[in-house]
Structure formats: structure tokens, C-alpha cells
């Protein structure tokens, strides 16, 4: 049985996603922090996006930059920000600073649960309107397909552990 994600609006400014991942926290943390792993699961295949580049400098004050191409978009799209907290293998906090973005702060926590990981993603938006906009546009970015791909990656023998 596949693990399903639960997405809940916790307040006017907060969106929380939970999902159980079929791997221990240290492997899930590596999948979030090593570019060679991250790029293999982050983009839902059904979205038609191509991840052109993935730069992750995962340390407090370090930055990330992801560049995507979509057939319907004339120019590549870049997403970037910086890491505010990095606590292996339990917690990551980063900013979302892309142009036109709503500037939320994302916190990911990983909790051991009998050999699996309870993954909690908490997005804190600067305003109710910013979260409303992301929800109505469908750009909150979290979906089961992404986390299914994470499960598949961590369950594969090709993952460098």
C-alpha cells in the first residue's frame, strides 16, 4: 500500500504536508541534501518539467538554485533561496526567494518511525493572501507523485548509501 500525503492549512499563513517515507531519516535527509539524489525525485514526471540544473550548498547560510524548463514556457524558470537551519538527519529550513514567488519559509522535519520516516513539510507564508494565491494557482508544489518518486529512489538498489 502506498503512503498518501496529507496537506492541511493550519492557519491563515501555514500549510503543512505530512507523509511517511519508506526509508530511515538519514537516507531521506541525504535525498534532500545531495544534488545527485535530489534531482532524481524532486520533479513529478507528469508535470512535463525538465530540471536543467540543481545546485545545493546545504549548510547554514548556503544557497540552492533549481532551474527548470517546461515546453509551454519560453524561458527557463529558476527557484532559489538560502538555508537557515541544517540539522542532520532531522531538520532543514530554507527561504524561497524566486522572483514572483510568495517568499515562504519551508521547514522539513524527519522523524524515525519503525525504520520509516515521518516527513513533515511546513510552509510559512508572509501573508494570508500569499498562501491563498499559491493554493488557488496550484503552485504549492507538494503532491503524492513527488513523494512516490522519493520512495522509489530510496527503495532502489542504485541509491548510493
C-alpha atoms as a PDB file:
ATOM      1  CA  UNK A   1       0.000   0.000   0.000  1.00  0.00           C
ATOM      2  CA  UNK A   2       1.338   3.417  -0.939  1.00  0.00           C
ATOM      3  CA  UNK A   3       1.689   6.095   1.706  1.00  0.00           C
ATOM      4  CA  UNK A   4      -0.521   9.061   0.955  1.00  0.00           C
ATOM      5  CA  UNK A   5       0.349  12.593   1.745  1.00  0.00           C
ATOM      6  CA  UNK A   6      -1.884  14.812   3.848  1.00  0.00           C
ATOM      7  CA  UNK A   7      -1.951  18.548   3.130  1.00  0.00           C
ATOM      8  CA  UNK A   8      -3.590  20.819   5.684  1.00  0.00           C
ATOM      9  CA  UNK A   9      -3.907  24.540   6.025  1.00  0.00           C
ATOM     10  CA  UNK A  10      -3.078  25.059   9.710  1.00  0.00           C
ATOM     11  CA  UNK A  11      -3.668  28.824   9.853  1.00  0.00           C
ATOM     12  CA  UNK A  12      -4.064  31.808   7.546  1.00  0.00           C
ATOM     13  CA  UNK A  13      -0.326  31.642   6.727  1.00  0.00           C
ATOM     14  CA  UNK A  14       0.635  27.980   7.257  1.00  0.00           C
ATOM     15  CA  UNK A  15       0.435  24.930   5.028  1.00  0.00           C
ATOM     16  CA  UNK A  16       1.588  21.587   6.456  1.00  0.00           C
ATOM     17  CA  UNK A  17       2.225  18.425   4.459  1.00  0.00           C
ATOM     18  CA  UNK A  18       2.842  15.055   6.088  1.00  0.00           C
ATOM     19  CA  UNK A  19       3.897  11.806   4.503  1.00  0.00           C
ATOM     20  CA  UNK A  20       5.541   8.596   5.668  1.00  0.00           C
ATOM     21  CA  UNK A  21       8.590   7.680   3.598  1.00  0.00           C
ATOM     22  CA  UNK A  22       9.747   4.065   3.413  1.00  0.00           C
ATOM     23  CA  UNK A  23      13.341   4.715   4.481  1.00  0.00           C
ATOM     24  CA  UNK A  24      15.155   5.809   7.650  1.00  0.00           C
ATOM     25  CA  UNK A  25      15.694   9.543   8.277  1.00  0.00           C
ATOM     26  CA  UNK A  26      19.405   9.579   7.391  1.00  0.00           C
ATOM     27  CA  UNK A  27      18.630   8.341   3.856  1.00  0.00           C
ATOM     28  CA  UNK A  28      15.702  10.731   3.448  1.00  0.00           C
ATOM     29  CA  UNK A  29      17.937  13.596   4.614  1.00  0.00           C
ATOM     30  CA  UNK A  30      20.565  12.636   2.016  1.00  0.00           C
ATOM     31  CA  UNK A  31      17.880  12.656  -0.695  1.00  0.00           C
ATOM     32  CA  UNK A  32      17.005  16.261   0.275  1.00  0.00           C
ATOM     33  CA  UNK A  33      20.620  17.450   0.565  1.00  0.00           C
ATOM     34  CA  UNK A  34      22.672  15.721  -2.149  1.00  0.00           C
ATOM     35  CA  UNK A  35      22.075  17.208  -5.589  1.00  0.00           C
ATOM     36  CA  UNK A  36      22.697  13.909  -7.395  1.00  0.00           C
ATOM     37  CA  UNK A  37      19.845  12.318  -5.399  1.00  0.00           C
ATOM     38  CA  UNK A  38      17.553  15.350  -5.152  1.00  0.00           C
ATOM     39  CA  UNK A  39      17.344  15.797  -8.916  1.00  0.00           C
ATOM     40  CA  UNK A  40      16.208  12.171  -9.312  1.00  0.00           C
ATOM     41  CA  UNK A  41      12.988  12.570  -7.289  1.00  0.00           C
ATOM     42  CA  UNK A  42      12.027  16.235  -6.891  1.00  0.00           C
ATOM     43  CA  UNK A  43      10.226  16.911 -10.201  1.00  0.00           C
ATOM     44  CA  UNK A  44       6.966  14.995 -10.732  1.00  0.00           C
ATOM     45  CA  UNK A  45       7.339  13.184 -14.072  1.00  0.00           C
ATOM     46  CA  UNK A  46       3.756  14.026 -15.067  1.00  0.00           C
ATOM     47  CA  UNK A  47       4.430  17.794 -14.916  1.00  0.00           C
ATOM     48  CA  UNK A  48       6.461  17.835 -18.132  1.00  0.00           C
ATOM     49  CA  UNK A  49       9.260  19.802 -16.470  1.00  0.00           C
ATOM     50  CA  UNK A  50      12.943  19.209 -17.084  1.00  0.00           C
ATOM     51  CA  UNK A  51      15.349  20.040 -14.279  1.00  0.00           C
ATOM     52  CA  UNK A  52      18.201  21.758 -16.144  1.00  0.00           C
ATOM     53  CA  UNK A  53      20.388  22.411 -13.114  1.00  0.00           C
ATOM     54  CA  UNK A  54      20.399  21.652  -9.411  1.00  0.00           C
ATOM     55  CA  UNK A  55      22.836  23.445  -7.111  1.00  0.00           C
ATOM     56  CA  UNK A  56      22.584  22.718  -3.381  1.00  0.00           C
ATOM     57  CA  UNK A  57      25.022  24.195  -0.866  1.00  0.00           C
ATOM     58  CA  UNK A  58      23.343  22.674   2.172  1.00  0.00           C
ATOM     59  CA  UNK A  59      24.765  24.498   5.194  1.00  0.00           C
ATOM     60  CA  UNK A  60      23.524  27.409   7.280  1.00  0.00           C
ATOM     61  CA  UNK A  61      23.836  30.433   5.008  1.00  0.00           C
ATOM     62  CA  UNK A  62      24.347  28.235   1.940  1.00  0.00           C
ATOM     63  CA  UNK A  63      22.124  28.616  -1.095  1.00  0.00           C
ATOM     64  CA  UNK A  64      20.191  26.496  -3.543  1.00  0.00           C
ATOM     65  CA  UNK A  65      19.212  27.157  -7.135  1.00  0.00           C
ATOM     66  CA  UNK A  66      16.990  24.967  -9.309  1.00  0.00           C
ATOM     67  CA  UNK A  67      16.409  25.773 -12.965  1.00  0.00           C
ATOM     68  CA  UNK A  68      13.518  24.143 -14.852  1.00  0.00           C
ATOM     69  CA  UNK A  69      12.262  24.142 -18.416  1.00  0.00           C
ATOM     70  CA  UNK A  70       8.680  23.473 -19.473  1.00  0.00           C
ATOM     71  CA  UNK A  71       7.663  23.071 -23.130  1.00  0.00           C
ATOM     72  CA  UNK A  72       4.978  25.770 -22.734  1.00  0.00           C
ATOM     73  CA  UNK A  73       7.353  28.332 -21.202  1.00  0.00           C
ATOM     74  CA  UNK A  74       9.582  30.433 -23.465  1.00  0.00           C
ATOM     75  CA  UNK A  75      12.312  30.816 -20.828  1.00  0.00           C
ATOM     76  CA  UNK A  76      13.661  28.539 -18.093  1.00  0.00           C
ATOM     77  CA  UNK A  77      12.275  29.097 -14.570  1.00  0.00           C
ATOM     78  CA  UNK A  78      14.643  29.484 -11.618  1.00  0.00           C
ATOM     79  CA  UNK A  79      13.850  28.816  -7.980  1.00  0.00           C
ATOM     80  CA  UNK A  80      16.350  29.817  -5.322  1.00  0.00           C
ATOM     81  CA  UNK A  81      16.863  30.641  -1.693  1.00  0.00           C
ATOM     82  CA  UNK A  82      19.131  30.040   1.244  1.00  0.00           C
ATOM     83  CA  UNK A  83      19.354  27.575   4.083  1.00  0.00           C
ATOM     84  CA  UNK A  84      18.562  28.940   7.549  1.00  0.00           C
ATOM     85  CA  UNK A  85      18.919  25.687   9.543  1.00  0.00           C
ATOM     86  CA  UNK A  86      20.557  22.360   8.738  1.00  0.00           C
ATOM     87  CA  UNK A  87      20.411  19.632  11.399  1.00  0.00           C
ATOM     88  CA  UNK A  88      21.296  16.203  10.016  1.00  0.00           C
ATOM     89  CA  UNK A  89      19.286  13.991   9.772  1.00  0.00           C
ATOM     90  CA  UNK A  90      16.289  15.698  11.346  1.00  0.00           C
ATOM     91  CA  UNK A  91      15.616  19.227  10.073  1.00  0.00           C
ATOM     92  CA  UNK A  92      16.087  21.624   7.151  1.00  0.00           C
ATOM     93  CA  UNK A  93      14.821  25.203   6.917  1.00  0.00           C
ATOM     94  CA  UNK A  94      15.134  27.354   3.802  1.00  0.00           C
ATOM     95  CA  UNK A  95      13.809  30.502   2.182  1.00  0.00           C
ATOM     96  CA  UNK A  96      12.000  30.677  -1.159  1.00  0.00           C
ATOM     97  CA  UNK A  97      13.263  33.828  -2.880  1.00  0.00           C
ATOM     98  CA  UNK A  98      12.428  33.379  -6.559  1.00  0.00           C
ATOM     99  CA  UNK A  99      11.094  36.383  -8.461  1.00  0.00           C
ATOM    100  CA  UNK A 100       7.324  36.454  -8.361  1.00  0.00           C
ATOM    101  CA  UNK A 101       7.264  33.889  -5.565  1.00  0.00           C
ATOM    102  CA  UNK A 102       5.450  34.432  -2.324  1.00  0.00           C
ATOM    103  CA  UNK A 103       8.542  34.216  -0.135  1.00  0.00           C
ATOM    104  CA  UNK A 104       7.507  31.443   2.201  1.00  0.00           C
ATOM    105  CA  UNK A 105       9.904  29.763   4.609  1.00  0.00           C
ATOM    106  CA  UNK A 106       9.932  25.970   4.351  1.00  0.00           C
ATOM    107  CA  UNK A 107      10.788  23.704   7.282  1.00  0.00           C
ATOM    108  CA  UNK A 108      11.228  19.967   6.745  1.00  0.00           C
ATOM    109  CA  UNK A 109      11.405  17.660   9.752  1.00  0.00           C
ATOM    110  CA  UNK A 110      12.234  13.958   9.636  1.00  0.00           C
ATOM    111  CA  UNK A 111      11.222  11.668  12.489  1.00  0.00           C
ATOM    112  CA  UNK A 112      12.140   7.982  12.825  1.00  0.00           C
ATOM    113  CA  UNK A 113       9.096   5.692  12.919  1.00  0.00           C
ATOM    114  CA  UNK A 114       9.964   1.972  12.996  1.00  0.00           C
ATOM    115  CA  UNK A 115      12.505   2.137  10.177  1.00  0.00           C
ATOM    116  CA  UNK A 116      10.456   4.640   8.200  1.00  0.00           C
ATOM    117  CA  UNK A 117      10.401   8.423   8.322  1.00  0.00           C
ATOM    118  CA  UNK A 118       7.549  10.731   9.192  1.00  0.00           C
ATOM    119  CA  UNK A 119       8.212  13.645   6.866  1.00  0.00           C
ATOM    120  CA  UNK A 120       6.582  16.960   7.792  1.00  0.00           C
ATOM    121  CA  UNK A 121       6.887  19.951   5.466  1.00  0.00           C
ATOM    122  CA  UNK A 122       5.769  23.243   6.984  1.00  0.00           C
ATOM    123  CA  UNK A 123       5.433  26.297   4.716  1.00  0.00           C
ATOM    124  CA  UNK A 124       5.036  29.639   6.484  1.00  0.00           C
ATOM    125  CA  UNK A 125       3.872  32.374   4.123  1.00  0.00           C
ATOM    126  CA  UNK A 126       4.352  36.106   4.718  1.00  0.00           C
ATOM    127  CA  UNK A 127       0.584  36.719   4.459  1.00  0.00           C
ATOM    128  CA  UNK A 128      -2.805  35.047   4.104  1.00  0.00           C
ATOM    129  CA  UNK A 129      -3.026  36.465   0.579  1.00  0.00           C
ATOM    130  CA  UNK A 130       0.282  34.876  -0.449  1.00  0.00           C
ATOM    131  CA  UNK A 131      -0.860  31.422   0.681  1.00  0.00           C
ATOM    132  CA  UNK A 132      -4.306  31.924  -0.910  1.00  0.00           C
ATOM    133  CA  UNK A 133      -2.576  32.797  -4.192  1.00  0.00           C
ATOM    134  CA  UNK A 134      -0.346  29.704  -4.157  1.00  0.00           C
ATOM    135  CA  UNK A 135      -3.255  27.411  -3.303  1.00  0.00           C
ATOM    136  CA  UNK A 136      -5.534  28.861  -5.992  1.00  0.00           C
ATOM    137  CA  UNK A 137      -2.805  28.660  -8.654  1.00  0.00           C
ATOM    138  CA  UNK A 138      -1.883  25.083  -7.712  1.00  0.00           C
ATOM    139  CA  UNK A 139       1.721  26.117  -7.111  1.00  0.00           C
ATOM    140  CA  UNK A 140       2.119  24.839  -3.563  1.00  0.00           C
ATOM    141  CA  UNK A 141       4.289  22.177  -5.190  1.00  0.00           C
ATOM    142  CA  UNK A 142       3.540  19.238  -2.921  1.00  0.00           C
ATOM    143  CA  UNK A 143       1.962  16.106  -4.350  1.00  0.00           C
ATOM    144  CA  UNK A 144       1.935  12.354  -3.924  1.00  0.00           C
ATOM    145  CA  UNK A 145       3.829  11.760  -7.167  1.00  0.00           C
ATOM    146  CA  UNK A 146       6.896  13.616  -5.869  1.00  0.00           C
ATOM    147  CA  UNK A 147       6.950  11.598  -2.652  1.00  0.00           C
ATOM    148  CA  UNK A 148       6.253   8.346  -4.531  1.00  0.00           C
ATOM    149  CA  UNK A 149       9.386   9.102  -6.570  1.00  0.00           C
ATOM    150  CA  UNK A 150      11.301   9.673  -3.326  1.00  0.00           C
ATOM    151  CA  UNK A 151      10.112   6.289  -2.018  1.00  0.00           C
ATOM    152  CA  UNK A 152      11.091   4.661  -5.313  1.00  0.00           C
ATOM    153  CA  UNK A 153      14.555   6.245  -5.260  1.00  0.00           C
ATOM    154  CA  UNK A 154      15.268   5.244  -1.667  1.00  0.00           C
ATOM    155  CA  UNK A 155      13.993   1.733  -2.256  1.00  0.00           C
ATOM    156  CA  UNK A 156      16.156   1.197  -5.334  1.00  0.00           C
ATOM    157  CA  UNK A 157      19.438  -0.645  -5.160  1.00  0.00           C
ATOM    158  CA  UNK A 158      21.051   2.098  -7.276  1.00  0.00           C
ATOM    159  CA  UNK A 159      20.847   4.618  -4.429  1.00  0.00           C
ATOM    160  CA  UNK A 160      24.365   5.238  -3.139  1.00  0.00           C
ATOM    161  CA  UNK A 161      24.016   4.595   0.591  1.00  0.00           C
END
